[in-house]
Amino acid sequence: MTQDQTRRSGQALMAGAGLSVLLFLMGAAKRSYAVLAIPVFAGLIAAAGMAFWVGYTMATTNWDDPEDYGVDDDPPEA
């Protein structure tokens, strides 16, 4: 990724963040239920997605060969 692409991506993120705050404030001014329900639902989906990802990683990681992880089963000789 070039510096110009990175800057454009950063500008797009800033514009999206500003737009989301503006839409939230407009919804709050209208006392809309959706203005609270949508962000809460998005947060729930994000948290559940991360929990599923961690669980999937823990469930599918292969720990059968300790040498792959730098673990030595033999105790050091004295």
C-alpha atoms as a PDB file:
ATOM      1  CA  MET A   1       0.000   0.000   0.000  1.00  0.00           C
ATOM      2  CA  THR A   2       1.412   3.372  -0.989  1.00  0.00           C
ATOM      3  CA  GLN A   3       1.418   6.508   1.108  1.00  0.00           C
ATOM      4  CA  ASP A   4      -1.315   8.081  -1.039  1.00  0.00           C
ATOM      5  CA  GLN A   5      -3.529   5.007  -0.676  1.00  0.00           C
ATOM      6  CA  THR A   6      -3.005   5.031   3.073  1.00  0.00           C
ATOM      7  CA  ARG A   7      -3.917   8.717   3.277  1.00  0.00           C
ATOM      8  CA  ARG A   8      -7.066   8.184   1.182  1.00  0.00           C
ATOM      9  CA  SER A   9      -8.060   5.262   3.395  1.00  0.00           C
ATOM     10  CA  GLY A  10      -7.530   7.422   6.488  1.00  0.00           C
ATOM     11  CA  GLN A  11      -9.615  10.226   5.001  1.00  0.00           C
ATOM     12  CA  ALA A  12     -12.398   7.761   4.140  1.00  0.00           C
ATOM     13  CA  LEU A  13     -12.344   6.433   7.724  1.00  0.00           C
ATOM     14  CA  MET A  14     -12.560   9.960   9.120  1.00  0.00           C
ATOM     15  CA  ALA A  15     -15.453  10.815   6.786  1.00  0.00           C
ATOM     16  CA  GLY A  16     -17.284   7.622   7.758  1.00  0.00           C
ATOM     17  CA  ALA A  17     -16.795   8.320  11.455  1.00  0.00           C
ATOM     18  CA  GLY A  18     -18.048  11.881  11.078  1.00  0.00           C
ATOM     19  CA  LEU A  19     -21.064  10.726   9.069  1.00  0.00           C
ATOM     20  CA  SER A  20     -21.941   8.090  11.653  1.00  0.00           C
ATOM     21  CA  VAL A  21     -21.832  10.681  14.469  1.00  0.00           C
ATOM     22  CA  LEU A  22     -23.981  13.056  12.415  1.00  0.00           C
ATOM     23  CA  LEU A  23     -26.556  10.333  11.717  1.00  0.00           C
ATOM     24  CA  PHE A  24     -26.563   9.336  15.392  1.00  0.00           C
ATOM     25  CA  LEU A  25     -27.182  12.931  16.490  1.00  0.00           C
ATOM     26  CA  MET A  26     -29.972  13.348  13.925  1.00  0.00           C
ATOM     27  CA  GLY A  27     -31.635  10.150  15.142  1.00  0.00           C
ATOM     28  CA  ALA A  28     -31.257  11.187  18.775  1.00  0.00           C
ATOM     29  CA  ALA A  29     -32.854  14.552  18.014  1.00  0.00           C
ATOM     30  CA  LYS A  30     -35.856  12.711  16.545  1.00  0.00           C
ATOM     31  CA  ARG A  31     -35.914  10.403  19.601  1.00  0.00           C
ATOM     32  CA  SER A  32     -35.603   7.373  17.358  1.00  0.00           C
ATOM     33  CA  TYR A  33     -35.388   3.918  18.945  1.00  0.00           C
ATOM     34  CA  ALA A  34     -33.203   2.704  16.071  1.00  0.00           C
ATOM     35  CA  VAL A  35     -30.463   5.189  16.926  1.00  0.00           C
ATOM     36  CA  LEU A  36     -29.705   3.103  20.030  1.00  0.00           C
ATOM     37  CA  ALA A  37     -30.761  -0.322  18.795  1.00  0.00           C
ATOM     38  CA  ILE A  38     -28.542  -0.404  15.696  1.00  0.00           C
ATOM     39  CA  PRO A  39     -25.203   0.387  17.450  1.00  0.00           C
ATOM     40  CA  VAL A  40     -26.028  -2.007  20.302  1.00  0.00           C
ATOM     41  CA  PHE A  41     -26.842  -4.742  17.793  1.00  0.00           C
ATOM     42  CA  ALA A  42     -23.611  -4.034  15.876  1.00  0.00           C
ATOM     43  CA  GLY A  43     -21.614  -4.263  19.111  1.00  0.00           C
ATOM     44  CA  LEU A  44     -23.289  -7.553  19.984  1.00  0.00           C
ATOM     45  CA  ILE A  45     -22.467  -8.968  16.553  1.00  0.00           C
ATOM     46  CA  ALA A  46     -18.832  -7.807  16.856  1.00  0.00           C
ATOM     47  CA  ALA A  47     -18.412  -9.330  20.336  1.00  0.00           C
ATOM     48  CA  ALA A  48     -20.053 -12.607  19.299  1.00  0.00           C
ATOM     49  CA  GLY A  49     -17.890 -12.746  16.176  1.00  0.00           C
ATOM     50  CA  MET A  50     -14.696 -12.281  18.181  1.00  0.00           C
ATOM     51  CA  ALA A  51     -15.781 -14.909  20.720  1.00  0.00           C
ATOM     52  CA  PHE A  52     -16.552 -17.359  17.900  1.00  0.00           C
ATOM     53  CA  TRP A  53     -13.166 -16.644  16.278  1.00  0.00           C
ATOM     54  CA  VAL A  54     -11.279 -17.268  19.540  1.00  0.00           C
ATOM     55  CA  GLY A  55     -13.285 -20.428  20.199  1.00  0.00           C
ATOM     56  CA  TYR A  56     -12.721 -21.718  16.674  1.00  0.00           C
ATOM     57  CA  THR A  57      -8.981 -21.050  16.954  1.00  0.00           C
ATOM     58  CA  MET A  58      -8.805 -22.863  20.302  1.00  0.00           C
ATOM     59  CA  ALA A  59     -10.854 -25.793  19.001  1.00  0.00           C
ATOM     60  CA  THR A  60      -8.881 -26.308  15.788  1.00  0.00           C
ATOM     61  CA  THR A  61      -5.294 -25.642  16.879  1.00  0.00           C
ATOM     62  CA  ASN A  62      -3.157 -28.774  16.596  1.00  0.00           C
ATOM     63  CA  TRP A  63      -1.045 -29.354  19.709  1.00  0.00           C
ATOM     64  CA  ASP A  64       0.029 -32.901  18.858  1.00  0.00           C
ATOM     65  CA  ASP A  65       3.684 -32.155  18.066  1.00  0.00           C
ATOM     66  CA  PRO A  66       5.389 -30.158  20.874  1.00  0.00           C
ATOM     67  CA  GLU A  67       8.496 -29.616  18.689  1.00  0.00           C
ATOM     68  CA  ASP A  68       6.445 -27.272  16.510  1.00  0.00           C
ATOM     69  CA  TYR A  69       6.199 -24.901  19.479  1.00  0.00           C
ATOM     70  CA  GLY A  70       9.727 -25.174  20.838  1.00  0.00           C
ATOM     71  CA  VAL A  71       8.647 -27.353  23.783  1.00  0.00           C
ATOM     72  CA  ASP A  72      11.014 -30.091  24.859  1.00  0.00           C
ATOM     73  CA  ASP A  73       9.357 -33.049  26.611  1.00  0.00           C
ATOM     74  CA  ASP A  74      12.653 -34.415  27.959  1.00  0.00           C
ATOM     75  CA  PRO A  75      13.845 -32.850  31.235  1.00  0.00           C
ATOM     76  CA  PRO A  76      17.381 -31.424  31.142  1.00  0.00           C
ATOM     77  CA  GLU A  77      20.092 -33.775  32.335  1.00  0.00           C
ATOM     78  CA  ALA A  78      21.833 -32.784  35.542  1.00  0.00           C
END
